[in-house]
Amino acid sequence: MLFAPPQAPLPDDSLSDVLSPYHMNIERFPSIAGSQPYYSGQISILQYQSRMSLESWHGVDLRYHLELLLRTFRSILNHKTSSEHVLRRELARLLVVLSDLFDEPLFEWLLDYFQRWWEVETSEDWSVRQYLVLGVCKAASAVTIKAYAVSNVLSMLKASFESGESCMHLSALNGMLYLLEAQVNKVVVPFLQSLFKSVLSLMYTEQSTQVKLHLLAVLFSVIEQYPKEAEEFAFTSQAVSLVLTH
């Protein structure tokens, strides 16, 4: 079956010897996009990966219902008009939320579909794109990303960090937390220099509490996982200095 979450949550101590609190993404908080609450999803990538091999969720098979929903979404999204902007945004948000129930094939579908969707949305349409970059990073962290998709993910992250919209920064930071936790080196390593610059740039400017918390989470995670690269680009010293002075 497609969806198979665990019968019980993983105990906290089972991962304490493997991951720091930063890797568990405990710093994630909801922020506000317009008047709508924006949730990035709190479930650890390790929990996604662990439940993919299970066969049922309390005896319930959700495959049929998920496929019906996805078929409906595809039908609506393939008929894009300006009057459907709000609907497209909400569908993108809902797919990110529903992806908590996805298994590997559905994450692969999400990764491919959101990349193609990104191409048809204008760069000004950040209210939709904020969910696309988050969904792509989430999917890329849950499955083995193919080489052709790496450049797309990198360009989406770059555009998100360079955007003037705070919600795009928040989505990109959440996406990086997924990628760092899952150690998706084929995406993270080529993006490190850009990530260092983006994090420092955002740290120097006034940010909301949510963005600040996500910046700190990414900052410490990347220093922990890539200490050599962080030192080479003088990221560690600058980042620590900024943390101590803010």
Protein backbone atom coordinates (compact mmCIF):
# COMPACT_ATOMS: atom_id res chain seq x y z
CA MET A 1 0.00 0.00 0.00
CA LEU A 2 1.06 3.58 -0.51
CA PHE A 3 0.72 5.04 2.96
CA ALA A 4 1.90 3.30 6.07
CA PRO A 5 2.68 5.46 9.12
CA PRO A 6 4.05 3.83 12.26
CA GLN A 7 1.79 2.19 14.80
CA ALA A 8 3.34 4.37 17.49
CA PRO A 9 5.57 7.46 17.49
CA LEU A 10 9.28 6.94 17.74
CA PRO A 11 10.51 7.51 21.30
CA ASP A 12 12.57 10.64 21.70
CA ASP A 13 15.56 8.80 23.23
CA SER A 14 15.82 6.43 20.27
CA LEU A 15 17.37 9.23 18.20
CA SER A 16 19.19 11.16 20.91
CA ASP A 17 22.49 9.43 20.22
CA VAL A 18 22.26 10.11 16.49
CA LEU A 19 20.86 13.61 15.99
CA SER A 20 21.10 16.91 17.79
CA PRO A 21 17.89 18.85 18.54
CA TYR A 22 18.57 20.99 15.47
CA HIS A 23 18.31 17.97 13.19
CA MET A 24 14.91 17.13 14.63
CA ASN A 25 13.65 20.56 13.46
CA ILE A 26 12.17 21.39 16.85
CA GLU A 27 12.56 25.10 16.12
CA ARG A 28 9.79 25.09 13.52
CA PHE A 29 6.91 27.37 14.34
CA PRO A 30 3.85 28.46 12.34
CA SER A 31 4.05 31.88 10.75
CA ILE A 32 1.50 33.99 8.95
CA ALA A 33 1.04 34.25 5.18
CA GLY A 34 -1.63 36.87 4.72
CA SER A 35 -4.36 35.91 7.13
CA GLN A 36 -3.79 32.17 6.82
CA PRO A 37 -1.70 30.13 9.28
CA TYR A 38 1.32 28.69 7.50
CA TYR A 39 2.52 25.35 8.80
CA SER A 40 5.68 23.71 7.50
CA GLY A 41 5.08 20.30 9.03
CA GLN A 42 6.66 19.07 12.24
CA ILE A 43 7.32 15.41 11.44
CA SER A 44 10.97 14.38 11.24
CA ILE A 45 12.28 12.94 7.98
CA LEU A 46 13.41 9.88 9.97
CA GLN A 47 9.79 9.19 10.84
CA TYR A 48 8.76 9.46 7.18
CA GLN A 49 11.48 7.04 6.20
CA SER A 50 10.77 4.58 9.02
CA ARG A 51 7.07 4.25 8.23
CA MET A 52 7.45 3.71 4.50
CA SER A 53 8.12 0.01 5.08
CA LEU A 54 5.02 -0.54 7.22
CA GLU A 55 1.83 -1.90 5.69
CA SER A 56 -1.01 -0.24 7.57
CA TRP A 57 -2.03 2.58 9.82
CA HIS A 58 -4.31 1.17 12.51
CA GLY A 59 -5.64 -1.16 9.82
CA VAL A 60 -6.72 1.68 7.52
CA ASP A 61 -5.70 1.71 3.85
CA LEU A 62 -5.60 5.33 2.66
CA ARG A 63 -4.24 4.67 -0.82
CA TYR A 64 -7.60 4.81 -2.59
CA HIS A 65 -8.63 8.06 -0.88
CA LEU A 66 -5.28 9.75 -1.45
CA GLU A 67 -5.34 8.83 -5.14
CA LEU A 68 -8.85 10.26 -5.49
CA LEU A 69 -7.72 13.52 -3.90
CA LEU A 70 -4.61 13.74 -6.06
CA ARG A 71 -6.59 13.01 -9.22
CA THR A 72 -8.97 15.86 -8.34
CA PHE A 73 -6.08 18.23 -7.60
CA ARG A 74 -4.36 17.43 -10.90
CA SER A 75 -7.57 18.09 -12.82
CA ILE A 76 -8.05 21.50 -11.20
CA LEU A 77 -4.40 22.55 -11.46
CA ASN A 78 -4.21 21.63 -15.15
CA HIS A 79 -6.87 24.29 -15.88
CA LYS A 80 -5.10 27.36 -14.62
CA THR A 81 -6.89 30.72 -14.81
CA SER A 82 -6.30 33.94 -12.93
CA SER A 83 -9.55 33.51 -11.03
CA GLU A 84 -8.23 30.25 -9.60
CA HIS A 85 -5.19 31.81 -7.94
CA VAL A 86 -6.50 31.39 -4.39
CA LEU A 87 -7.55 27.83 -5.13
CA ARG A 88 -4.12 27.00 -6.56
CA ARG A 89 -2.44 28.44 -3.49
CA GLU A 90 -4.65 26.46 -1.13
CA LEU A 91 -4.19 23.26 -3.13
CA ALA A 92 -0.41 23.68 -3.02
CA ARG A 93 -0.59 24.23 0.74
CA LEU A 94 -2.88 21.24 1.19
CA LEU A 95 -0.59 18.97 -0.82
CA VAL A 96 2.30 19.91 1.47
CA VAL A 97 0.15 19.05 4.49
CA LEU A 98 -1.13 15.83 2.92
CA SER A 99 2.43 14.78 2.12
CA ASP A 100 2.74 13.82 5.79
CA LEU A 101 0.78 10.75 4.65
CA PHE A 102 2.86 10.02 1.54
CA ASP A 103 5.10 7.05 0.92
CA GLU A 104 8.05 6.93 -1.49
CA PRO A 105 6.14 6.77 -4.82
CA LEU A 106 3.93 9.70 -3.84
CA PHE A 107 6.91 11.75 -2.68
CA GLU A 108 8.53 11.08 -6.06
CA TRP A 109 5.35 12.28 -7.75
CA LEU A 110 5.29 15.41 -5.55
CA LEU A 111 8.93 16.17 -6.33
CA ASP A 112 8.32 15.98 -10.08
CA TYR A 113 4.95 17.72 -10.07
CA PHE A 114 6.01 20.68 -7.92
CA GLN A 115 9.08 21.26 -10.08
CA ARG A 116 6.91 21.47 -13.19
CA TRP A 117 4.36 23.62 -11.38
CA TRP A 118 7.11 26.05 -10.32
CA GLU A 119 7.94 26.67 -13.98
CA VAL A 120 4.43 27.82 -14.87
CA GLU A 121 3.96 30.12 -11.87
CA THR A 122 5.32 33.65 -12.25
CA SER A 123 8.12 34.76 -9.93
CA GLU A 124 5.75 37.37 -8.49
CA ASP A 125 3.34 34.67 -7.38
CA TRP A 126 5.14 34.00 -4.11
CA SER A 127 1.92 32.99 -2.33
CA VAL A 128 1.92 29.76 -4.38
CA ARG A 129 5.67 29.36 -4.81
CA GLN A 130 6.29 29.40 -1.07
CA TYR A 131 4.61 26.00 -0.83
CA LEU A 132 6.25 24.62 -3.97
CA VAL A 133 9.82 25.12 -2.77
CA LEU A 134 8.95 23.66 0.62
CA GLY A 135 7.23 20.65 -0.93
CA VAL A 136 10.14 19.98 -3.29
CA CYS A 137 12.69 20.08 -0.48
CA LYS A 138 10.52 17.88 1.70
CA ALA A 139 10.13 15.32 -1.10
CA ALA A 140 13.83 15.47 -2.02
CA SER A 141 14.63 14.66 1.62
CA ALA A 142 12.28 11.69 1.78
CA VAL A 143 13.39 9.92 -1.43
CA THR A 144 16.57 9.46 -3.44
CA ILE A 145 16.70 12.53 -5.65
CA LYS A 146 17.79 11.95 -9.25
CA ALA A 147 20.58 13.97 -10.81
CA TYR A 148 18.33 15.88 -13.23
CA ALA A 149 16.26 17.24 -10.33
CA VAL A 150 19.21 18.59 -8.34
CA SER A 151 19.69 21.69 -10.51
CA ASN A 152 15.97 22.48 -10.29
CA VAL A 153 15.98 22.26 -6.51
CA LEU A 154 19.07 24.47 -6.35
CA SER A 155 17.53 27.13 -8.58
CA MET A 156 14.30 27.08 -6.55
CA LEU A 157 16.20 27.55 -3.30
CA LYS A 158 18.31 30.35 -4.79
CA ALA A 159 15.24 32.19 -6.08
CA SER A 160 13.49 31.78 -2.73
CA PHE A 161 16.37 33.19 -0.70
CA GLU A 162 16.77 36.07 -3.15
CA SER A 163 13.06 36.91 -3.02
CA GLY A 164 11.94 40.04 -1.22
CA GLU A 165 9.14 38.13 0.50
CA SER A 166 9.64 36.91 4.05
CA CYS A 167 7.42 33.86 3.52
CA MET A 168 9.74 32.70 0.71
CA HIS A 169 12.71 32.95 3.07
CA LEU A 170 10.80 30.95 5.67
CA SER A 171 9.94 28.24 3.15
CA ALA A 172 13.53 28.03 1.94
CA LEU A 173 14.80 27.77 5.52
CA ASN A 174 12.30 25.03 6.31
CA GLY A 175 13.34 23.27 3.13
CA MET A 176 16.99 23.48 4.16
CA LEU A 177 16.15 21.95 7.55
CA TYR A 178 14.63 18.96 5.75
CA LEU A 179 17.65 18.63 3.44
CA LEU A 180 20.15 19.00 6.29
CA GLU A 181 18.37 16.48 8.48
CA ALA A 182 18.24 13.93 5.66
CA GLN A 183 21.85 14.79 4.66
CA VAL A 184 21.00 15.27 1.00
CA ASN A 185 24.60 16.15 0.16
CA LYS A 186 24.07 16.27 -3.60
CA VAL A 187 21.83 19.32 -3.01
CA VAL A 188 23.30 20.85 0.14
CA VAL A 189 27.02 20.79 -0.73
CA PRO A 190 26.77 22.71 -4.04
CA PHE A 191 24.46 25.19 -2.33
CA LEU A 192 26.61 25.82 0.76
CA GLN A 193 28.27 29.02 -0.42
CA SER A 194 24.94 30.55 -1.44
CA LEU A 195 23.40 29.36 1.82
CA PHE A 196 26.15 30.97 3.89
CA LYS A 197 25.62 34.30 2.12
CA SER A 198 21.84 34.13 2.38
CA VAL A 199 21.80 33.26 6.09
CA LEU A 200 24.27 36.03 6.97
CA SER A 201 22.38 38.53 4.83
CA LEU A 202 19.09 37.70 6.53
CA MET A 203 20.72 37.81 9.97
CA TYR A 204 21.86 41.36 9.30
CA THR A 205 18.31 42.57 8.59
CA GLU A 206 15.20 42.86 10.74
CA GLN A 207 13.23 39.60 10.72
CA SER A 208 10.13 38.17 12.34
CA THR A 209 10.50 35.83 15.31
CA GLN A 210 9.66 32.83 13.12
CA VAL A 211 12.32 33.66 10.55
CA LYS A 212 14.90 34.31 13.27
CA LEU A 213 14.25 30.93 14.87
CA HIS A 214 14.55 29.16 11.53
CA LEU A 215 17.74 31.08 10.73
CA LEU A 216 19.27 29.93 14.01
CA ALA A 217 18.21 26.33 13.37
CA VAL A 218 19.78 26.32 9.89
CA LEU A 219 22.84 28.22 11.07
CA PHE A 220 23.75 25.74 13.81
CA SER A 221 22.80 22.71 11.73
CA VAL A 222 25.06 23.67 8.86
CA ILE A 223 27.96 24.47 11.20
CA GLU A 224 27.54 21.08 12.87
CA GLN A 225 27.32 19.11 9.63
CA TYR A 226 29.79 21.06 7.48
CA PRO A 227 32.33 22.54 9.94
CA LYS A 228 35.21 22.55 7.44
CA GLU A 229 33.27 24.40 4.74
CA ALA A 230 31.82 26.81 7.32
CA GLU A 231 35.35 27.70 8.48
CA GLU A 232 36.72 28.01 4.96
CA PHE A 233 34.11 30.62 4.05
CA ALA A 234 34.45 32.37 7.45
CA PHE A 235 30.80 31.56 8.08
CA THR A 236 31.24 30.22 11.60
CA SER A 237 32.97 33.29 13.03
CA GLN A 238 30.55 35.73 11.39
CA ALA A 239 27.49 33.70 12.36
CA VAL A 240 28.54 33.31 16.01
CA SER A 241 29.34 37.01 16.19
CA LEU A 242 25.90 37.89 14.84
CA VAL A 243 24.17 35.52 17.26
CA LEU A 244 25.99 37.06 20.22
CA THR A 245 25.19 40.62 19.20
CA HIS A 246 21.48 40.11 18.45
